[in-house]
């Protein structure tokens, strides 16, 4: 029973990390770093198992954040030759590089992560209720 609770908890923790990265992407989509580079979107990758679980089932069946990595896709380009950060030479002359954050994708990912978080919370609550019922039967 406690393995089920560990599994749900690891899912909630992983989805919280995903929502944090999505929030950072949305908040920083118009940011420029100190090196003049636009903000690069971050993606969270999960892996099977929860190394921090208290039970064998939780360690085997849970989920954890394996890595958070920059999105390698190219930056978006916007034509604005008068902008101070516009490319001066080459095939992209006159274009300003902007973040590769896609707001539609981020919003869909946020909804998906929120729903997954809620599903794990419901599963944890159901597990808690089953444990309470089992204790009542034993007592």
Protein backbone atom coordinates (compact mmCIF):
# COMPACT_ATOMS: atom_id res chain seq x y z
CA UNK A 1 0.00 0.00 0.00
CA UNK A 2 2.72 2.48 0.88
CA UNK A 3 4.32 1.75 -2.51
CA UNK A 4 1.21 3.14 -4.20
CA UNK A 5 1.51 6.29 -2.14
CA UNK A 6 5.20 6.62 -3.06
CA UNK A 7 4.35 6.22 -6.74
CA UNK A 8 1.68 8.93 -6.64
CA UNK A 9 3.93 11.24 -4.66
CA UNK A 10 6.81 10.81 -7.11
CA UNK A 11 4.44 11.63 -9.98
CA UNK A 12 3.28 14.80 -8.25
CA UNK A 13 6.87 15.85 -7.56
CA UNK A 14 7.88 15.24 -11.19
CA UNK A 15 4.90 17.18 -12.57
CA UNK A 16 5.64 20.05 -10.18
CA UNK A 17 9.16 20.26 -11.61
CA UNK A 18 7.69 20.24 -15.11
CA UNK A 19 5.26 23.05 -14.23
CA UNK A 20 8.14 25.06 -12.75
CA UNK A 21 10.11 24.76 -16.01
CA UNK A 22 7.03 25.71 -18.06
CA UNK A 23 6.46 28.75 -15.85
CA UNK A 24 10.08 29.79 -16.30
CA UNK A 25 9.75 29.40 -20.07
CA UNK A 26 6.65 31.59 -20.20
CA UNK A 27 8.09 34.20 -17.84
CA UNK A 28 11.41 34.48 -19.68
CA UNK A 29 10.30 34.22 -23.29
CA UNK A 30 11.14 37.89 -23.91
CA UNK A 31 14.41 37.84 -21.95
CA UNK A 32 17.90 38.35 -23.26
CA UNK A 33 20.85 36.91 -21.35
CA UNK A 34 23.96 38.89 -20.38
CA UNK A 35 25.73 37.41 -23.40
CA UNK A 36 23.07 38.84 -25.76
CA UNK A 37 21.55 35.40 -26.40
CA UNK A 38 17.78 35.04 -26.20
CA UNK A 39 16.30 32.79 -23.54
CA UNK A 40 16.32 29.14 -24.59
CA UNK A 41 13.31 27.01 -23.57
CA UNK A 42 13.87 24.31 -20.96
CA UNK A 43 12.39 20.81 -21.13
CA UNK A 44 12.02 18.33 -18.27
CA UNK A 45 12.68 14.66 -18.96
CA UNK A 46 11.39 11.90 -16.70
CA UNK A 47 12.81 8.48 -16.03
CA UNK A 48 11.30 5.35 -14.52
CA UNK A 49 11.80 4.70 -10.84
CA UNK A 50 12.03 6.90 -7.79
CA UNK A 51 15.43 6.58 -6.13
CA UNK A 52 14.19 8.39 -3.02
CA UNK A 53 11.18 6.13 -2.38
CA UNK A 54 10.84 4.34 0.95
CA UNK A 55 9.68 1.03 -0.51
CA UNK A 56 10.93 -1.34 -3.18
CA UNK A 57 7.72 -0.86 -5.21
CA UNK A 58 8.12 2.91 -5.05
CA UNK A 59 11.74 2.71 -6.20
CA UNK A 60 10.83 0.45 -9.11
CA UNK A 61 7.52 1.94 -10.23
CA UNK A 62 7.77 5.62 -9.42
CA UNK A 63 9.05 8.38 -11.65
CA UNK A 64 11.73 11.02 -11.22
CA UNK A 65 13.19 13.94 -13.13
CA UNK A 66 16.11 12.53 -15.10
CA UNK A 67 17.29 15.87 -16.51
CA UNK A 68 16.29 19.39 -17.38
CA UNK A 69 17.74 20.37 -20.72
CA UNK A 70 17.74 23.39 -23.03
CA UNK A 71 15.61 23.06 -26.16
CA UNK A 72 18.07 22.78 -29.07
CA UNK A 73 15.61 24.10 -31.67
CA UNK A 74 16.67 27.28 -33.49
CA UNK A 75 15.71 30.70 -32.21
CA UNK A 76 12.77 32.49 -33.79
CA UNK A 77 13.66 35.32 -36.16
CA UNK A 78 11.86 38.65 -36.40
CA UNK A 79 12.61 41.23 -39.08
CA UNK A 80 13.60 44.53 -37.44
CA UNK A 81 16.79 46.01 -38.96
CA UNK A 82 16.62 49.07 -36.64
CA UNK A 83 16.74 46.94 -33.47
CA UNK A 84 20.10 47.19 -31.62
CA UNK A 85 20.35 43.37 -31.43
CA UNK A 86 19.60 42.81 -35.13
CA UNK A 87 22.16 40.72 -36.99
CA UNK A 88 24.52 43.04 -38.85
CA UNK A 89 25.95 40.64 -41.44
CA UNK A 90 25.28 37.34 -43.12
CA UNK A 91 22.09 35.69 -44.35
CA UNK A 92 20.19 36.77 -41.21
CA UNK A 93 21.15 40.46 -41.50
CA UNK A 94 18.32 42.64 -40.23
CA UNK A 95 16.73 39.84 -38.20
CA UNK A 96 16.52 39.81 -34.41
CA UNK A 97 16.85 36.43 -32.75
CA UNK A 98 14.09 35.75 -30.23
CA UNK A 99 13.47 32.97 -27.74
CA UNK A 100 12.43 29.56 -29.05
CA UNK A 101 9.58 29.39 -26.51
CA UNK A 102 6.33 28.52 -28.27
CA UNK A 103 3.45 29.83 -26.14
CA UNK A 104 0.86 27.42 -27.56
CA UNK A 105 3.06 24.41 -26.84
CA UNK A 106 3.85 25.71 -23.34
CA UNK A 107 0.17 26.23 -22.53
CA UNK A 108 -0.74 22.73 -23.74
CA UNK A 109 2.16 21.27 -21.74
CA UNK A 110 1.02 23.19 -18.66
CA UNK A 111 -2.52 21.83 -18.97
CA UNK A 112 -1.18 18.30 -19.43
CA UNK A 113 1.15 18.60 -16.41
CA UNK A 114 -1.65 20.04 -14.28
CA UNK A 115 -4.00 17.19 -15.21
CA UNK A 116 -1.29 14.61 -14.48
CA UNK A 117 -0.60 16.26 -11.12
CA UNK A 118 -4.31 16.18 -10.28
CA UNK A 119 -4.57 12.52 -11.30
CA UNK A 120 -1.68 11.63 -9.00
CA UNK A 121 -3.26 13.62 -6.17
CA UNK A 122 -6.55 11.73 -6.63
CA UNK A 123 -4.68 8.41 -6.65
CA UNK A 124 -2.84 9.38 -3.45
CA UNK A 125 -6.11 10.34 -1.78
CA UNK A 126 -7.72 7.02 -2.83
CA UNK A 127 -4.73 5.14 -1.40
CA UNK A 128 -5.05 7.08 1.85
CA UNK A 129 -8.76 6.24 2.09
CA UNK A 130 -8.07 2.54 1.45
CA UNK A 131 -5.46 2.53 4.22
CA UNK A 132 -7.92 4.21 6.60
CA UNK A 133 -10.61 1.62 5.75
CA UNK A 134 -8.15 -1.23 6.30
CA UNK A 135 -7.17 0.18 9.69
CA UNK A 136 -10.85 0.51 10.69
CA UNK A 137 -11.46 -3.12 9.75
CA UNK A 138 -8.47 -4.25 11.79
CA UNK A 139 -9.37 -2.08 14.81
